[in-house]
Structures are given as structure tokens and as C-alpha cells.
Amino acid sequence: MSYYQRHVFFCCNQRKEGEQCCAGHGAQGIRDYAKGQVKDRKLAGPGRVRINQAGCLDRCKEGPVLVVYPEAVWYTYVDREDIDEIIEEHLVNGRVVERLRI
């Protein structure tokens, strides 16, 4: 059994000037937002949900990206509303958000 029910990794990698990267899309701020939302909703902790930042997840051209384990579902997002939808649908209700899936 996994320590967390779901483990979410946000790519927050910063590449050289001019190269496409998740950090260039505000990934760190969105990760911080997601972490706060998960804590505020009391979803965080052992046996529940963990939000982490990751280095390069090597999908920069599809970014910004995050991945949810153990399902290994990859998402892209544009704004906080997308993150709210991923939290509600995937993390709370266990339903993949197909429109954001990559």
C-alpha cells in the first residue's frame, strides 16, 4: 500500500533563457496554490494527498505539466481554475479530467 493515496508532482523546472519550460508558465506559484488548496480542504497528509514540486519531468513542450500517482495521469493546466478542477474531480472524486490530460 502506498504511503499516500495520491501523490502529485508539479514540474517546476527552469531552463535556459528562451527555452520552453514549466517555470516559465508560473508553475511554482500554481504548485503553491494547489498545496494550499489541498491543505485548506483537509486532503493533505499520510494516507491522503501529497503535493510536491519536481525538477524536469521532460515534457516541456506539453507544459506546464503535473502528474498524479499512483495512476500516472499526466495533466497540463492554464490557471487556478484548472487546478481546482483537477483537485475536485481527480483527487477528491477519483475521476480523470480528460480535457486536461496529456
Protein backbone atom coordinates (compact mmCIF):
# COMPACT_ATOMS: atom_id res chain seq x y z
CA MET A 1 0.00 0.00 0.00
CA SER A 2 1.27 3.45 -0.90
CA TYR A 3 2.04 5.94 1.87
CA TYR A 4 -0.20 8.47 0.08
CA GLN A 5 -3.47 7.77 -1.66
CA ARG A 6 -2.38 10.21 -4.38
CA HIS A 7 0.97 11.90 -4.90
CA VAL A 8 1.05 14.92 -7.23
CA PHE A 9 4.27 16.19 -8.79
CA PHE A 10 4.41 19.62 -10.42
CA CYS A 11 7.25 20.21 -12.84
CA CYS A 12 8.88 23.47 -11.75
CA ASN A 13 11.99 23.21 -13.89
CA GLN A 14 13.69 26.39 -15.14
CA ARG A 15 15.56 26.05 -18.44
CA LYS A 16 17.92 28.46 -20.14
CA GLU A 17 16.59 31.80 -21.35
CA GLY A 18 14.32 31.30 -24.34
CA GLU A 19 13.78 27.57 -23.86
CA GLN A 20 10.27 26.36 -23.13
CA CYS A 21 9.86 25.23 -19.52
CA CYS A 22 7.20 24.84 -16.86
CA ALA A 23 8.74 27.54 -14.65
CA GLY A 24 8.17 29.98 -17.50
CA HIS A 25 4.43 29.33 -17.11
CA GLY A 26 4.33 30.13 -13.39
CA ALA A 27 4.50 26.51 -12.26
CA GLN A 28 5.89 27.33 -8.81
CA GLY A 29 3.01 29.66 -7.98
CA ILE A 30 0.44 27.17 -9.22
CA ARG A 31 2.08 24.39 -7.19
CA ASP A 32 1.95 26.60 -4.10
CA TYR A 33 -1.71 27.32 -4.81
CA ALA A 34 -2.52 23.60 -5.20
CA LYS A 35 -0.69 22.75 -1.98
CA GLY A 36 -2.67 25.42 -0.13
CA GLN A 37 -5.97 24.22 -1.56
CA VAL A 38 -5.27 20.62 -0.60
CA LYS A 39 -4.35 21.68 2.95
CA ASP A 40 -7.37 24.00 3.25
CA ARG A 41 -9.67 21.18 2.16
CA LYS A 42 -8.03 18.86 4.71
CA LEU A 43 -6.96 16.44 1.98
CA ALA A 44 -3.24 16.52 2.86
CA GLY A 45 -1.26 14.02 4.90
CA PRO A 46 -0.37 10.35 5.17
CA GLY A 47 -2.99 8.14 3.55
CA ARG A 48 -4.37 11.16 1.71
CA VAL A 49 -2.78 13.57 -0.82
CA ARG A 50 0.75 14.96 -1.12
CA ILE A 51 1.69 17.85 -3.40
CA ASN A 52 5.37 18.09 -4.42
CA GLN A 53 7.48 20.02 -6.84
CA ALA A 54 9.72 18.16 -9.22
CA GLY A 55 12.64 19.05 -11.38
CA CYS A 56 12.30 18.45 -15.08
CA LEU A 57 9.68 15.86 -15.96
CA ASP A 58 10.86 16.07 -19.59
CA ARG A 59 7.53 17.05 -21.13
CA CYS A 60 8.33 20.76 -21.52
CA LYS A 61 6.65 21.14 -24.88
CA GLU A 62 3.35 19.99 -23.34
CA GLY A 63 3.78 22.15 -20.25
CA PRO A 64 3.18 23.27 -17.80
CA VAL A 65 2.68 19.73 -16.52
CA LEU A 66 1.91 17.74 -13.42
CA VAL A 67 1.50 14.02 -12.84
CA VAL A 68 -0.74 12.22 -10.35
CA TYR A 69 0.39 8.88 -8.92
CA PRO A 70 -0.35 6.03 -8.44
CA GLU A 71 -2.49 6.37 -11.58
CA ALA A 72 0.34 8.02 -13.57
CA VAL A 73 -2.09 10.50 -15.10
CA TRP A 74 -0.37 13.48 -16.73
CA TYR A 75 -2.06 16.87 -16.95
CA THR A 76 -1.40 20.26 -18.38
CA TYR A 77 -3.09 23.37 -16.99
CA VAL A 78 -3.53 27.05 -17.70
CA ASP A 79 -4.79 28.59 -14.48
CA ARG A 80 -6.09 28.08 -10.95
CA GLU A 81 -9.49 27.03 -12.25
CA ASP A 82 -7.84 24.07 -14.00
CA ILE A 83 -6.10 23.13 -10.75
CA ASP A 84 -9.37 23.43 -8.83
CA GLU A 85 -10.96 21.05 -11.33
CA ILE A 86 -8.11 18.52 -11.01
CA ILE A 87 -8.37 18.67 -7.21
CA GLU A 88 -12.14 18.24 -7.16
CA GLU A 89 -12.50 15.69 -9.91
CA HIS A 90 -9.32 13.60 -9.65
CA LEU A 91 -8.06 13.97 -6.09
CA VAL A 92 -11.46 14.04 -4.38
CA ASN A 93 -13.72 12.04 -6.71
CA GLY A 94 -11.20 9.80 -8.48
CA ARG A 95 -12.25 10.89 -11.98
CA VAL A 96 -9.65 11.80 -14.59
CA VAL A 97 -10.11 15.26 -16.11
CA GLU A 98 -9.89 14.24 -19.75
CA ARG A 99 -9.84 17.77 -21.17
CA LEU A 100 -6.55 18.48 -19.33
CA ARG A 101 -4.97 15.04 -19.76
CA ILE A 102 -1.83 14.72 -21.89
